[in-house]
Protein backbone atom coordinates (compact mmCIF):
# COMPACT_ATOMS: atom_id res chain seq x y z
CA MET A 1 7.61 -25.84 -15.06
CA ASN A 2 6.19 -22.97 -12.83
CA ILE A 3 3.18 -20.85 -14.74
CA VAL A 4 2.59 -17.59 -13.35
CA LEU A 5 -0.21 -16.15 -15.70
CA GLU A 6 -2.38 -18.13 -17.62
CA ALA A 7 -5.35 -17.12 -20.00
CA ASN A 8 -7.57 -19.58 -21.68
CA HIS A 9 -10.28 -18.78 -23.85
CA ILE A 10 -10.78 -15.05 -22.98
CA ASN A 11 -13.54 -13.25 -24.84
CA LYS A 12 -14.56 -9.84 -24.44
CA TYR A 13 -17.76 -7.91 -25.69
CA PHE A 14 -18.37 -4.44 -25.46
CA LYS A 15 -22.20 -3.92 -25.21
CA LYS A 16 -22.11 -0.27 -26.29
CA PRO A 17 -23.23 1.46 -28.81
CA VAL A 18 -23.43 -1.69 -30.66
CA LEU A 19 -22.10 -5.01 -29.71
CA PHE A 20 -18.39 -5.17 -30.43
CA HIS A 21 -16.20 -8.50 -30.16
CA VAL A 22 -13.04 -6.81 -28.86
CA LEU A 23 -11.02 -9.83 -27.88
CA LYS A 24 -11.22 -13.15 -29.59
CA ASP A 25 -10.23 -16.43 -28.09
CA ILE A 26 -7.05 -15.08 -26.17
CA SER A 27 -5.10 -17.93 -24.64
CA PHE A 28 -1.53 -18.02 -23.62
CA GLN A 29 0.99 -18.26 -20.11
CA ILE A 30 3.59 -16.57 -19.12
CA LYS A 31 6.09 -18.47 -16.76
CA LYS A 32 8.13 -17.79 -13.82
CA GLY A 33 10.72 -15.18 -14.97
CA GLU A 34 9.81 -14.96 -18.57
CA PHE A 35 9.88 -11.26 -19.93
CA ALA A 36 7.41 -10.64 -22.58
CA SER A 37 5.86 -8.29 -24.59
CA ILE A 38 2.35 -7.65 -25.93
CA MET A 39 2.82 -5.78 -29.21
CA GLY A 40 0.15 -4.36 -32.12
CA LYS A 41 -1.67 -1.27 -33.49
CA SER A 42 -3.53 1.06 -31.65
CA GLY A 43 -7.11 -0.24 -31.09
CA CYS A 44 -6.02 -4.33 -31.23
CA GLY A 45 -7.31 -4.81 -27.38
CA LYS A 46 -3.86 -4.75 -25.85
CA SER A 47 -5.03 -2.44 -23.11
CA THR A 48 -8.23 -4.20 -22.59
CA LEU A 49 -6.56 -7.23 -22.60
CA LEU A 50 -4.39 -5.99 -19.53
CA TYR A 51 -7.11 -4.70 -17.62
CA ILE A 52 -8.57 -8.23 -17.43
CA LEU A 53 -4.96 -9.75 -17.10
CA SER A 54 -4.47 -7.49 -14.23
CA THR A 55 -7.96 -8.46 -12.92
CA MET A 56 -9.12 -4.45 -13.03
CA ASP A 57 -11.98 -5.83 -15.57
CA THR A 58 -14.11 -8.90 -14.39
CA ASP A 59 -16.63 -8.39 -17.35
CA TYR A 60 -15.37 -11.23 -19.67
CA ASP A 61 -15.72 -14.70 -20.85
CA GLY A 62 -13.08 -17.46 -20.25
CA GLU A 63 -10.60 -17.92 -17.35
CA LEU A 64 -7.64 -16.71 -16.27
CA TYR A 65 -5.14 -17.92 -13.09
CA LEU A 66 -2.47 -16.03 -11.55
CA ASN A 67 -0.32 -18.76 -9.79
CA ASN A 68 -2.16 -21.68 -10.71
CA GLN A 69 -5.26 -20.31 -9.09
CA LEU A 70 -8.98 -19.24 -10.82
CA VAL A 71 -9.25 -15.82 -10.46
CA THR A 72 -12.39 -15.48 -12.67
CA ASN A 73 -15.25 -14.92 -10.52
CA GLN A 74 -13.52 -14.39 -7.49
CA ASP A 75 -15.09 -11.25 -5.32
CA ARG A 76 -14.01 -7.28 -5.51
CA ASP A 77 -12.23 -7.76 -2.05
CA HIS A 78 -10.20 -11.07 -2.80
CA LEU A 79 -9.58 -9.58 -6.42
CA SER A 80 -8.27 -6.31 -4.72
CA TYR A 81 -5.96 -8.79 -2.33
CA ILE A 82 -4.24 -11.03 -5.07
CA ARG A 83 -4.03 -7.51 -7.48
CA ASN A 84 -2.00 -5.80 -4.86
CA LYS A 85 0.11 -8.71 -3.26
CA HIS A 86 0.75 -9.89 -7.03
CA ILE A 87 0.76 -7.84 -9.38
CA GLY A 88 3.13 -4.76 -9.51
CA PHE A 89 2.16 -2.26 -11.78
CA VAL A 90 4.01 0.54 -14.12
CA PHE A 91 2.13 2.64 -16.35
CA GLN A 92 3.27 5.01 -19.36
CA PHE A 93 2.48 7.99 -16.33
CA HIS A 94 3.97 7.14 -12.97
CA TYR A 95 1.15 8.42 -10.51
CA LEU A 96 3.35 9.07 -8.19
CA LEU A 97 1.97 11.49 -5.50
CA SER A 98 3.86 15.02 -5.51
CA GLU A 99 3.06 15.85 -2.03
CA PHE A 100 4.49 12.63 -0.54
CA SER A 101 8.39 11.90 -0.51
CA VAL A 102 9.95 9.11 -2.70
CA LEU A 103 9.73 6.73 0.10
CA GLU A 104 6.55 7.27 0.96
CA ASN A 105 5.38 6.86 -2.45
CA VAL A 106 7.21 3.31 -2.58
CA MET A 107 5.72 2.34 0.42
CA LEU A 108 2.19 2.63 -0.39
CA PRO A 109 1.09 -0.86 -1.75
CA ALA A 110 2.55 -2.38 1.64
CA LYS A 111 0.87 0.19 3.82
CA LYS A 112 -2.49 -0.95 1.97
CA LEU A 113 -1.62 -4.86 1.94
CA ALA A 114 -1.00 -4.12 5.62
CA GLU A 115 0.95 -7.52 6.07
CA LYS A 116 4.09 -5.92 8.14
CA SER A 117 4.97 -3.32 10.18
CA TYR A 118 5.35 0.46 9.47
CA GLN A 119 9.22 -0.33 10.13
CA GLU A 120 9.72 -3.31 8.22
CA ILE A 121 7.90 -1.79 4.82
CA GLU A 122 9.97 1.45 5.49
CA TYR A 123 12.92 -1.01 5.21
CA ASP A 124 11.85 -2.62 2.47
CA ALA A 125 11.05 0.41 0.56
CA PHE A 126 14.47 2.23 1.02
CA GLU A 127 16.06 -1.51 0.05
CA LYS A 128 14.16 -1.45 -3.16
CA LEU A 129 15.23 2.17 -3.98
CA LYS A 130 18.53 0.60 -3.68
CA MET A 131 18.19 -1.78 -5.71
CA LEU A 132 17.48 0.73 -8.54
CA ASN A 133 20.06 3.02 -7.58
CA ILE A 134 18.05 5.70 -6.39
CA GLU A 135 18.35 5.40 -2.74
CA HIS A 136 19.99 9.12 -2.43
CA LEU A 137 16.04 10.19 -3.74
CA ALA A 138 14.62 8.37 -0.63
CA LYS A 139 13.64 11.91 1.32
CA LYS A 140 12.96 13.98 -1.82
CA ARG A 141 9.40 14.83 -2.73
CA ALA A 142 8.45 13.03 -5.98
CA SER A 143 7.95 16.39 -7.70
CA GLN A 144 11.70 17.03 -7.30
CA VAL A 145 13.00 14.29 -9.34
CA SER A 146 13.48 13.77 -12.93
CA GLY A 147 11.25 12.20 -15.47
CA GLY A 148 13.47 9.06 -15.71
CA GLU A 149 13.92 8.82 -11.92
CA LYS A 150 10.12 8.99 -11.09
CA GLN A 151 9.83 5.61 -13.67
CA ARG A 152 12.28 4.00 -11.56
CA ILE A 153 10.41 5.35 -8.22
CA ALA A 154 7.51 3.84 -10.21
CA ILE A 155 8.90 0.52 -10.53
CA ALA A 156 10.43 0.68 -6.89
CA ARG A 157 6.78 0.83 -5.71
CA ALA A 158 5.83 -1.93 -8.16
CA LEU A 159 8.15 -4.29 -6.54
CA ILE A 160 7.52 -3.56 -3.07
CA ASN A 161 5.03 -6.39 -2.01
CA ASN A 162 7.45 -8.70 -4.05
CA PRO A 163 4.88 -9.45 -6.86
CA SER A 164 5.00 -12.73 -8.89
CA ILE A 165 4.42 -10.62 -11.88
CA ILE A 166 4.90 -6.94 -13.18
CA MET A 167 2.55 -5.65 -15.60
CA GLY A 168 3.28 -2.63 -17.78
CA ASP A 169 1.42 -0.27 -19.97
CA GLU A 170 3.42 1.41 -22.41
CA PRO A 171 6.10 2.44 -19.13
CA THR A 172 8.67 3.68 -21.76
CA GLY A 173 6.13 5.74 -23.73
CA ASN A 174 6.93 8.87 -22.15
CA LEU A 175 10.99 8.57 -22.13
CA ASP A 176 13.57 9.28 -24.26
CA SER A 177 15.40 6.64 -25.62
CA HIS A 178 18.56 6.85 -22.71
CA ASN A 179 15.72 6.16 -20.05
CA ALA A 180 13.89 3.70 -21.87
CA GLU A 181 16.82 1.64 -21.98
CA ASN A 182 17.49 2.17 -18.30
CA VAL A 183 13.89 1.12 -17.69
CA PHE A 184 14.52 -1.58 -19.99
CA ASN A 185 17.89 -3.31 -18.13
CA ILE A 186 15.93 -2.78 -15.10
CA PHE A 187 13.60 -4.89 -15.64
CA LYS A 188 15.69 -7.55 -17.67
CA LYS A 189 17.86 -7.48 -14.53
CA LEU A 190 14.65 -8.40 -12.12
CA SER A 191 13.58 -10.85 -14.72
CA ILE A 192 16.95 -12.90 -14.48
CA GLU A 193 18.11 -12.09 -10.92
CA GLN A 194 14.93 -12.16 -9.41
CA GLY A 195 12.79 -14.93 -11.28
CA LEU A 196 10.46 -11.97 -12.04
CA SER A 197 7.70 -12.27 -14.63
CA LEU A 198 6.76 -9.20 -16.66
CA LEU A 199 4.32 -8.74 -19.55
CA ILE A 200 4.78 -5.22 -20.87
CA VAL A 201 2.37 -3.65 -23.48
CA THR A 202 4.58 -1.56 -25.94
CA HIS A 203 4.73 0.52 -29.13
CA ASP A 204 8.52 0.29 -28.80
CA ASP A 205 10.30 -2.24 -31.20
CA ASP A 206 13.50 -1.90 -30.00
CA PHE A 207 12.09 -2.68 -26.48
CA ALA A 208 9.88 -5.76 -27.26
CA ASN A 209 12.58 -6.99 -29.81
CA LYS A 210 14.72 -7.29 -27.06
CA THR A 211 11.84 -9.12 -24.74
CA ASP A 212 12.21 -13.21 -24.31
CA ARG A 213 8.68 -13.42 -26.54
CA ILE A 214 6.75 -11.13 -28.32
CA ILE A 215 2.84 -11.68 -28.00
CA GLN A 216 1.30 -10.10 -31.13
CA MET A 217 -1.88 -8.86 -31.29
CA ALA A 218 -4.16 -7.85 -34.34
CA ASP A 219 -7.94 -7.29 -34.31
CA GLY A 220 -8.63 -8.64 -31.00
CA LYS A 221 -6.68 -11.69 -31.79
CA ILE A 222 -3.20 -13.10 -31.04
CA ILE A 223 -1.66 -13.61 -33.98
């Protein structure tokens, strides 16, 4: 059984203005190829949890494992490397650089990782665009494509380093139902065909109900 991500007794406190226990004893696992969603009311700790799971927030108690390696208490450079290599991110806003071409945007995380030549990265980026049926947009500026296309480009960018897991924070939050459905179908296909694990924070019941598992949160706990 391949466990890609494991949270063990994660607790998080906000110290200011008063001590507040925001995440309470969170433990769960995500298996290889599993497509899970996190749901819960605003303020229940979903995004805070995602920041910890994605190694961006290191101020917590408990243990976090990625591919059975302990990532808790690793130094910042190592965490940055792990994050870039093993985790793909898709946010509610695409965060594309508008003056760059679509292809250049997709290449960015691989250039940062610097494990391949420019030509290889360019080839990989084009392959990712092809996989999502948007290779015809490669040379366009990111500012010239539609909202639904931007989110697909963001997914291609998240895939460029062949991560173990994709983490999404409301990736369909800004999309109409047609484009939201598209994004869901892309994720589903990635989970089935590529064995990719996905962990998506969402408010969208339709989206969550179609995932393999819903992790329901309330008041900082998994319920």
